[in-house]
Amino acid sequence: MLGRSIRRRELLHWAGLGLGAASRASAQPDPSLPPLVSLWIAPSPDLVEVTLTPDGSRVLLLDRAGKLQCRNQEGAILWTQLLPGTDRVLSSRRGGVTLAYSRRQAHQRRAAFIDASGRHFYTLELSEPIETAAVSPDGRHAMLAAGKSVIFSSPENGTVRYRSVATPGFPRQLFHGRGDTFYSVCRDPNVTVLLKSSGKVLWRHSDAGSSYQSASVSLDGQVLGLAAEQRDGTISVALWQQEGRPRFLAERPGRKPRLRVAGNGQAAALAYEHQSRHDTTVNYGQRLALLTVEDGSIGGWSKGGAFTAPLFVGLDREARWVIALDTQRRREPPRIRLFGRAGEKRYSIDSAADILIAASAADGSTFATYRADGKVEMFAVHQQD
């Protein structure tokens, strides 16, 4: 699911979350501009969700009353919809198709489809509560998980065609694949499958020994990343190509992984709690790692420690840079840092207030924060060589 936002309870619980991002900067960057700039700030109280479109051209703001607002990169309000009970929102490039729904609500099983002009053109009602959903970057397909099935839909000409696809377990995460395929990461049993809209299983990967999984997909949907917490106290990380072949496999001692795959599928950012042992004592510290594939070997870097908690990540398409919220625990509010390919610090901006929600565009061009002072701030990332 592209551009997923971070909520405050997740910041405090995990202390680390990787979010996908890839460069959409111009070929010739303006040297007069800093690499990280604030585009606009606007008051928007009581938000529960902040989502950016994959290309970063739109930001969607959802408040507790169900008011959904769409703004452009300049901060102008493009449209507003009132959808009471809604707490999740996803969108395709330039807001061509927006999907709004309520997660795990027994009495709220409807999903609203909204077009680029803000018109609510279709409502899909499911037979069971919605667990999760995904929208393809081009807006051609949307997937919703309910029970042990996925509703695969195709918005077109003001209506929606859909069919139900059975899954081997209960879907917990959904991602777009290539064409009319999609990935479903299931529990009970722990199995990940690549399915066609017809229900045909193209490949499956079982991981019965894991207790927690985090997944992410490349921009073109051809590489799926899986990070699983194993019962032996390690985290296994794998990048799977759509043909079912692993691009790389790695292990790290730790727990609670959060993974995000780079746009080109050649790298991944992993936020987790790193395990260290001293005699009989086991300690866990917050850690952010960049894993890269170069000449068939795994490289990269990691950061973290007693005073630094990297909470949010934006990852360039080719892993040339990473953006993180650096809380340093004793420092309030957090600092937004830009790290280079080798992990070097390149730039930083201090937030004016504590950050409650943060969300990134899937192409890395923009990201937004919702602050404790009730304001939304939009940022742009300029190309870094």
Protein backbone atom coordinates (compact mmCIF):
# COMPACT_ATOMS: atom_id res chain seq x y z
CA MET A 1 0.00 0.00 0.00
CA LEU A 2 1.77 3.14 -1.21
CA GLY A 3 2.20 6.36 0.91
CA ARG A 4 0.87 4.90 4.15
CA SER A 5 0.92 7.49 6.94
CA ILE A 6 2.47 7.09 10.39
CA ARG A 7 0.29 7.67 13.42
CA ARG A 8 1.54 8.91 16.79
CA ARG A 9 0.84 5.61 18.56
CA GLU A 10 3.01 3.86 15.95
CA LEU A 11 5.81 6.36 16.45
CA LEU A 12 5.81 5.64 20.15
CA HIS A 13 5.39 1.88 19.80
CA TRP A 14 7.74 1.00 16.97
CA ALA A 15 10.06 4.02 17.04
CA GLY A 16 10.75 3.35 13.39
CA LEU A 17 8.82 3.13 10.15
CA GLY A 18 10.06 2.87 6.59
CA LEU A 19 7.98 4.51 3.87
CA GLY A 20 8.55 4.27 0.21
CA ALA A 21 9.80 7.15 -1.84
CA ALA A 22 11.59 7.62 -5.12
CA SER A 23 12.95 10.60 -6.95
CA ARG A 24 10.76 12.61 -9.31
CA ALA A 25 13.12 15.56 -9.44
CA SER A 26 14.19 17.28 -12.62
CA ALA A 27 17.33 16.17 -14.44
CA GLN A 28 18.99 19.54 -13.74
CA PRO A 29 18.43 20.56 -10.08
CA ASP A 30 18.40 24.25 -9.17
CA PRO A 31 21.60 24.81 -7.13
CA SER A 32 20.05 27.88 -5.47
CA LEU A 33 17.43 25.72 -3.73
CA PRO A 34 18.15 23.72 -0.58
CA PRO A 35 17.65 19.97 -0.98
CA LEU A 36 14.69 19.98 1.41
CA VAL A 37 12.14 22.83 1.46
CA SER A 38 8.80 23.60 3.08
CA LEU A 39 6.15 24.32 0.43
CA TRP A 40 3.24 25.44 2.59
CA ILE A 41 1.63 25.26 6.04
CA ALA A 42 -2.14 25.22 6.65
CA PRO A 43 -4.35 24.73 9.75
CA SER A 44 -6.29 21.45 9.66
CA PRO A 45 -7.44 20.28 13.10
CA ASP A 46 -8.42 16.78 14.24
CA LEU A 47 -6.86 14.82 11.39
CA VAL A 48 -6.81 11.02 11.50
CA GLU A 49 -5.20 10.37 8.11
CA VAL A 50 -2.77 12.11 5.76
CA THR A 51 -2.13 10.51 2.37
CA LEU A 52 -0.17 11.66 -0.68
CA THR A 53 -0.76 10.49 -4.22
CA PRO A 54 2.07 8.37 -5.67
CA ASP A 55 3.38 11.29 -7.76
CA GLY A 56 3.18 13.74 -4.86
CA SER A 57 0.87 16.12 -6.72
CA ARG A 58 -2.00 15.83 -4.22
CA VAL A 59 -2.34 15.47 -0.46
CA LEU A 60 -5.53 14.07 1.07
CA LEU A 61 -6.51 15.13 4.60
CA LEU A 62 -9.18 13.22 6.56
CA ASP A 63 -10.51 14.45 9.93
CA ARG A 64 -12.45 12.74 12.70
CA ALA A 65 -15.80 13.94 11.36
CA GLY A 66 -15.13 12.26 8.01
CA LYS A 67 -14.36 15.44 6.09
CA LEU A 68 -11.97 14.55 3.27
CA GLN A 69 -10.05 17.40 1.66
CA CYS A 70 -7.79 17.29 -1.38
CA ARG A 71 -5.04 19.91 -1.82
CA ASN A 72 -2.41 20.39 -4.52
CA GLN A 73 1.32 21.09 -4.13
CA GLU A 74 0.61 24.80 -3.76
CA GLY A 75 -1.79 24.13 -0.87
CA ALA A 76 -4.94 25.09 -2.78
CA ILE A 77 -8.08 23.14 -1.89
CA LEU A 78 -9.25 21.22 -4.97
CA TRP A 79 -12.31 19.51 -3.50
CA THR A 80 -13.97 18.39 -0.26
CA GLN A 81 -16.17 15.39 0.53
CA LEU A 82 -18.01 14.45 3.73
CA LEU A 83 -17.79 10.72 4.48
CA PRO A 84 -18.77 10.09 8.13
CA GLY A 85 -17.13 7.06 9.71
CA THR A 86 -14.26 6.93 7.24
CA ASP A 87 -10.74 6.57 8.66
CA ARG A 88 -8.61 5.40 5.70
CA VAL A 89 -7.91 6.93 2.31
CA LEU A 90 -5.76 5.93 -0.71
CA SER A 91 -5.31 7.50 -4.12
CA SER A 92 -3.70 7.06 -7.53
CA ARG A 93 -1.50 9.49 -9.45
CA ARG A 94 -2.90 13.03 -9.62
CA GLY A 95 -5.85 11.84 -7.55
CA GLY A 96 -7.42 10.10 -10.55
CA VAL A 97 -9.10 7.54 -8.28
CA THR A 98 -9.41 7.97 -4.53
CA LEU A 99 -10.64 5.17 -2.28
CA ALA A 100 -11.99 5.96 1.19
CA TYR A 101 -13.15 3.35 3.71
CA SER A 102 -13.31 2.34 7.39
CA ARG A 103 -10.98 -0.34 8.71
CA ARG A 104 -12.35 -3.21 10.80
CA GLN A 105 -15.71 -1.55 11.39
CA ALA A 106 -18.56 -4.08 11.57
CA HIS A 107 -21.22 -1.48 10.80
CA GLN A 108 -19.23 0.48 8.22
CA ARG A 109 -18.42 -1.85 5.32
CA ARG A 110 -18.66 0.64 2.48
CA ALA A 111 -15.88 1.93 0.26
CA ALA A 112 -16.28 5.23 -1.57
CA PHE A 113 -14.75 5.81 -5.03
CA ILE A 114 -13.97 9.47 -5.86
CA ASP A 115 -12.67 10.84 -9.16
CA ALA A 116 -10.11 13.59 -9.82
CA SER A 117 -12.76 16.32 -9.67
CA GLY A 118 -13.94 15.19 -6.23
CA ARG A 119 -17.11 13.47 -7.46
CA HIS A 120 -18.18 10.50 -5.34
CA PHE A 121 -19.16 8.30 -8.27
CA TYR A 122 -19.52 4.85 -6.71
CA THR A 123 -20.06 3.10 -3.39
CA LEU A 124 -19.10 -0.54 -2.94
CA GLU A 125 -20.60 -2.39 0.03
CA LEU A 126 -18.82 -5.50 1.27
CA SER A 127 -20.28 -8.43 3.17
CA GLU A 128 -17.58 -8.31 5.87
CA PRO A 129 -15.54 -5.56 7.56
CA ILE A 130 -12.66 -4.19 5.46
CA GLU A 131 -9.21 -5.14 6.73
CA THR A 132 -6.99 -3.30 4.24
CA ALA A 133 -6.95 -1.97 0.68
CA ALA A 134 -4.67 -0.89 -2.15
CA VAL A 135 -4.95 1.25 -5.30
CA SER A 136 -2.65 0.82 -8.30
CA PRO A 137 -0.62 3.97 -9.13
CA ASP A 138 -2.42 4.37 -12.48
CA GLY A 139 -5.86 4.03 -10.84
CA ARG A 140 -6.90 1.15 -13.08
CA HIS A 141 -7.40 -1.26 -10.19
CA ALA A 142 -8.35 -1.16 -6.50
CA MET A 143 -8.27 -4.07 -4.07
CA LEU A 144 -10.13 -4.44 -0.76
CA ALA A 145 -9.62 -7.30 1.70
CA ALA A 146 -12.53 -8.65 3.74
CA GLY A 147 -12.54 -12.03 5.46
CA LYS A 148 -10.61 -14.58 3.40
CA SER A 149 -11.15 -12.84 0.09
CA VAL A 150 -10.12 -9.79 -1.89
CA ILE A 151 -12.50 -7.68 -3.95
CA PHE A 152 -10.60 -6.84 -7.14
CA SER A 153 -12.21 -3.81 -8.78
CA SER A 154 -11.70 -1.76 -11.94
CA PRO A 155 -13.07 1.80 -11.89
CA GLU A 156 -14.03 2.92 -15.39
CA ASN A 157 -16.44 5.43 -16.99
CA GLY A 158 -18.14 6.41 -13.75
CA THR A 159 -18.77 2.88 -12.52
CA VAL A 160 -16.83 0.00 -10.98
CA ARG A 161 -16.51 -3.58 -12.19
CA TYR A 162 -15.44 -6.03 -9.51
CA ARG A 163 -15.06 -9.68 -8.61
CA SER A 164 -14.26 -11.63 -5.45
CA VAL A 165 -10.96 -13.53 -5.32
CA ALA A 166 -10.43 -16.20 -2.64
CA THR A 167 -7.18 -16.12 -0.68
CA PRO A 168 -5.46 -18.93 1.28
CA GLY A 169 -5.57 -16.95 4.53
CA PHE A 170 -6.81 -13.68 5.97
CA PRO A 171 -5.20 -10.80 4.01
CA ARG A 172 -3.42 -8.27 6.22
CA GLN A 173 -1.56 -6.32 3.52
CA LEU A 174 -2.33 -5.79 -0.18
CA PHE A 175 -0.12 -4.44 -2.97
CA HIS A 176 -0.50 -3.90 -6.70
CA GLY A 177 1.40 -6.15 -9.07
CA ARG A 178 1.96 -5.91 -12.81
CA GLY A 179 -1.20 -5.69 -14.94
CA ASP A 180 -4.18 -7.33 -13.25
CA THR A 181 -2.13 -9.07 -10.55
CA PHE A 182 -1.82 -8.29 -6.85
CA TYR A 183 0.06 -9.48 -3.78
CA SER A 184 -1.75 -10.62 -0.64
CA VAL A 185 0.17 -11.04 2.63
CA CYS A 186 -1.98 -13.34 4.76
CA ARG A 187 -2.19 -14.63 8.32
CA ASP A 188 -3.68 -17.93 9.48
CA PRO A 189 -1.72 -19.33 7.74
CA ASN A 190 1.32 -17.09 7.22
CA VAL A 191 1.51 -17.11 3.45
CA THR A 192 2.15 -14.53 0.75
CA VAL A 193 0.64 -15.05 -2.70
CA LEU A 194 0.74 -13.35 -6.08
CA LEU A 195 -2.70 -13.65 -7.67
CA LYS A 196 -4.32 -12.74 -10.96
CA SER A 197 -7.74 -11.12 -10.88
CA SER A 198 -9.09 -14.46 -12.14
CA GLY A 199 -7.96 -16.08 -8.88
CA LYS A 200 -5.05 -17.98 -10.41
CA VAL A 201 -2.09 -18.28 -8.01
CA LEU A 202 1.14 -17.31 -9.80
CA TRP A 203 3.41 -18.01 -6.83
CA ARG A 204 3.26 -18.39 -3.07
CA HIS A 205 5.71 -18.14 -0.20
CA SER A 206 5.00 -19.69 3.21
CA ASP A 207 6.65 -18.55 6.44
CA ALA A 208 5.12 -20.58 9.23
CA GLY A 209 7.94 -19.70 11.64
CA SER A 210 7.30 -15.93 11.70
CA SER A 211 5.20 -14.02 14.21
CA TYR A 212 5.10 -10.63 12.46
CA GLN A 213 5.53 -9.56 8.86
CA SER A 214 5.97 -6.25 7.07
CA ALA A 215 5.82 -5.94 3.30
CA SER A 216 6.32 -3.36 0.56
CA VAL A 217 6.37 -3.26 -3.24
CA SER A 218 8.44 -1.42 -5.87
CA LEU A 219 6.82 1.31 -7.93
CA ASP A 220 6.21 -0.95 -10.93
CA GLY A 221 4.87 -3.76 -8.76
CA GLN A 222 7.50 -6.23 -9.95
CA VAL A 223 9.47 -6.58 -6.69
CA LEU A 224 7.91 -7.44 -3.33
CA GLY A 225 9.84 -7.01 -0.10
CA LEU A 226 9.08 -9.13 2.97
CA ALA A 227 10.52 -8.65 6.47
CA ALA A 228 9.51 -11.30 9.00
CA GLU A 229 10.18 -11.56 12.72
CA GLN A 230 11.30 -15.14 13.35
CA ARG A 231 10.85 -17.11 16.54
CA ASP A 232 14.62 -17.40 17.03
CA GLY A 233 14.93 -13.62 17.56
CA THR A 234 16.05 -12.70 14.05
CA ILE A 235 14.47 -10.73 11.22
CA SER A 236 14.57 -12.22 7.75
CA VAL A 237 14.46 -9.78 4.83
CA ALA A 238 13.83 -10.84 1.24
CA LEU A 239 13.14 -9.07 -2.03
CA TRP A 240 11.07 -11.28 -4.34
CA GLN A 241 10.75 -10.72 -8.07
CA GLN A 242 7.32 -11.22 -9.61
CA GLU A 243 8.45 -14.51 -11.12
CA GLY A 244 8.93 -15.86 -7.58
CA ARG A 245 12.76 -15.64 -7.56
CA PRO A 246 14.48 -13.90 -4.61
CA ARG A 247 16.60 -10.85 -5.50
CA PHE A 248 18.33 -10.93 -2.13
CA LEU A 249 18.00 -12.56 1.29
CA ALA A 250 19.34 -11.13 4.56
CA GLU A 251 19.03 -11.62 8.32
CA ARG A 252 19.40 -9.28 11.28
CA PRO A 253 19.01 -9.85 15.02
CA GLY A 254 15.96 -7.97 16.20
CA ARG A 255 12.18 -7.60 16.22
CA LYS A 256 9.25 -5.46 14.98
CA PRO A 257 10.47 -4.85 11.41
CA ARG A 258 9.00 -2.18 9.13
CA LEU A 259 10.13 -2.44 5.53
CA ARG A 260 9.96 -0.19 2.46
CA VAL A 261 11.29 -1.16 -0.97
CA ALA A 262 12.98 1.44 -3.20
CA GLY A 263 11.25 2.36 -6.42
CA ASN A 264 13.67 0.41 -8.62
CA GLY A 265 13.47 -2.69 -6.43
CA GLN A 266 17.25 -2.70 -5.81
CA ALA A 267 17.23 -1.52 -2.19
CA ALA A 268 15.08 -1.43 0.92
CA ALA A 269 14.85 0.61 4.11
CA LEU A 270 14.32 -1.37 7.30
CA ALA A 271 13.27 0.18 10.62
CA TYR A 272 13.35 -2.22 13.54
CA GLU A 273 14.44 -2.88 17.13
CA HIS A 274 17.99 -4.20 16.98
CA GLN A 275 18.94 -6.95 19.43
CA SER A 276 22.23 -6.86 21.32
CA ARG A 277 23.44 -9.32 23.95
CA HIS A 278 25.71 -8.66 26.93
CA ASP A 279 26.35 -11.88 28.84
CA THR A 280 22.83 -13.01 29.78
CA THR A 281 21.19 -9.63 29.17
CA VAL A 282 19.29 -8.93 25.95
CA ASN A 283 18.70 -5.30 24.98
CA TYR A 284 16.78 -3.76 22.09
CA GLY A 285 17.61 -0.44 20.46
CA GLN A 286 15.91 1.48 17.68
CA ARG A 287 17.66 1.11 14.37
CA LEU A 288 17.22 2.30 10.79
CA ALA A 289 19.04 0.39 8.04
CA LEU A 290 19.40 0.81 4.30
CA LEU A 291 19.98 -2.48 2.49
CA THR A 292 21.30 -2.29 -1.08
CA VAL A 293 22.23 -4.81 -3.76
CA GLU A 294 25.48 -4.07 -5.58
CA ASP A 295 27.23 -6.58 -7.84
CA GLY A 296 25.32 -9.43 -6.25
CA SER A 297 26.34 -8.53 -2.68
CA ILE A 298 24.36 -6.78 0.06
CA GLY A 299 25.62 -3.39 1.23
CA GLY A 300 24.20 -0.31 2.92
CA TRP A 301 24.32 1.28 6.34
CA SER A 302 22.45 1.53 9.64
CA LYS A 303 21.80 4.24 12.23
CA GLY A 304 20.33 4.31 15.71
CA GLY A 305 21.19 4.28 19.36
CA ALA A 306 20.22 5.44 22.80
CA PHE A 307 19.58 9.04 21.79
CA THR A 308 18.46 8.75 18.17
CA ALA A 309 15.16 7.29 17.00
CA PRO A 310 14.63 7.46 13.22
CA LEU A 311 10.85 7.45 12.89
CA PHE A 312 9.97 8.20 9.30
CA VAL A 313 11.68 7.34 6.07
CA GLY A 314 11.49 8.58 2.51
CA LEU A 315 13.56 6.47 0.14
CA ASP A 316 14.81 7.61 -3.26
CA ARG A 317 14.07 5.43 -6.29
CA GLU A 318 17.75 4.49 -6.54
CA ALA A 319 18.48 4.77 -2.81
CA ARG A 320 20.61 7.89 -3.32
CA TRP A 321 19.10 9.45 -0.22
CA VAL A 322 16.88 8.74 2.78
CA ILE A 323 14.70 11.11 4.79
CA ALA A 324 14.10 10.42 8.49
CA LEU A 325 12.47 12.10 11.48
CA ASP A 326 15.21 12.16 14.08
CA THR A 327 13.65 12.52 17.54
CA GLN A 328 16.82 12.01 19.60
CA ARG A 329 14.33 11.27 22.43
CA ARG A 330 15.31 14.26 24.56
CA ARG A 331 14.85 16.64 21.67
CA GLU A 332 11.40 18.14 21.07
CA PRO A 333 10.18 18.67 18.46
CA PRO A 334 11.83 16.26 15.99
CA ARG A 335 14.32 17.15 13.30
CA ILE A 336 13.85 16.11 9.67
CA ARG A 337 17.14 14.78 8.31
CA LEU A 338 18.33 14.03 4.80
CA PHE A 339 20.95 11.26 4.57
CA GLY A 340 23.06 10.46 1.53
CA ARG A 341 23.72 7.12 -0.15
CA ALA A 342 26.47 6.25 2.32
CA GLY A 343 24.45 7.43 5.33
CA GLU A 344 26.14 10.82 5.61
CA LYS A 345 24.08 13.75 6.93
CA ARG A 346 23.32 16.18 4.10
CA TYR A 347 20.60 18.51 5.38
CA SER A 348 18.14 19.00 8.24
CA ILE A 349 15.04 21.02 9.13
CA ASP A 350 13.58 21.42 12.62
CA SER A 351 9.82 20.94 12.90
CA ALA A 352 7.97 23.78 14.64
CA ALA A 353 5.95 21.29 16.72
CA ASP A 354 5.73 17.62 17.58
CA ILE A 355 4.72 15.47 14.60
CA LEU A 356 1.63 13.28 15.00
CA ILE A 357 1.32 11.90 11.45
CA ALA A 358 3.79 11.79 8.57
CA ALA A 359 3.21 10.57 5.01
CA SER A 360 5.36 10.38 1.89
CA ALA A 361 4.62 10.31 -1.82
CA ALA A 362 5.65 7.03 -3.40
CA ASP A 363 7.85 8.81 -5.94
CA GLY A 364 9.75 10.73 -3.26
CA SER A 365 8.94 14.17 -4.61
CA THR A 366 6.99 15.40 -1.58
CA PHE A 367 5.98 14.48 1.94
CA ALA A 368 3.68 15.98 4.55
CA THR A 369 3.52 16.16 8.33
CA TYR A 370 0.58 16.78 10.67
CA ARG A 371 1.80 18.59 13.76
CA ALA A 372 0.61 18.82 17.36
CA ASP A 373 -0.32 22.46 16.78
CA GLY A 374 -3.06 21.34 14.36
CA LYS A 375 -1.20 22.33 11.18
CA VAL A 376 -0.21 20.42 8.05
CA GLU A 377 3.18 21.16 6.50
CA MET A 378 4.10 20.07 2.97
CA PHE A 379 7.73 19.52 1.95
CA ALA A 380 9.52 18.96 -1.35
CA VAL A 381 12.74 17.06 -1.95
CA HIS A 382 15.05 18.37 -4.66
CA GLN A 383 17.40 16.13 -6.56
CA GLN A 384 20.58 15.06 -4.78
CA ASP A 385 23.45 13.58 -6.75
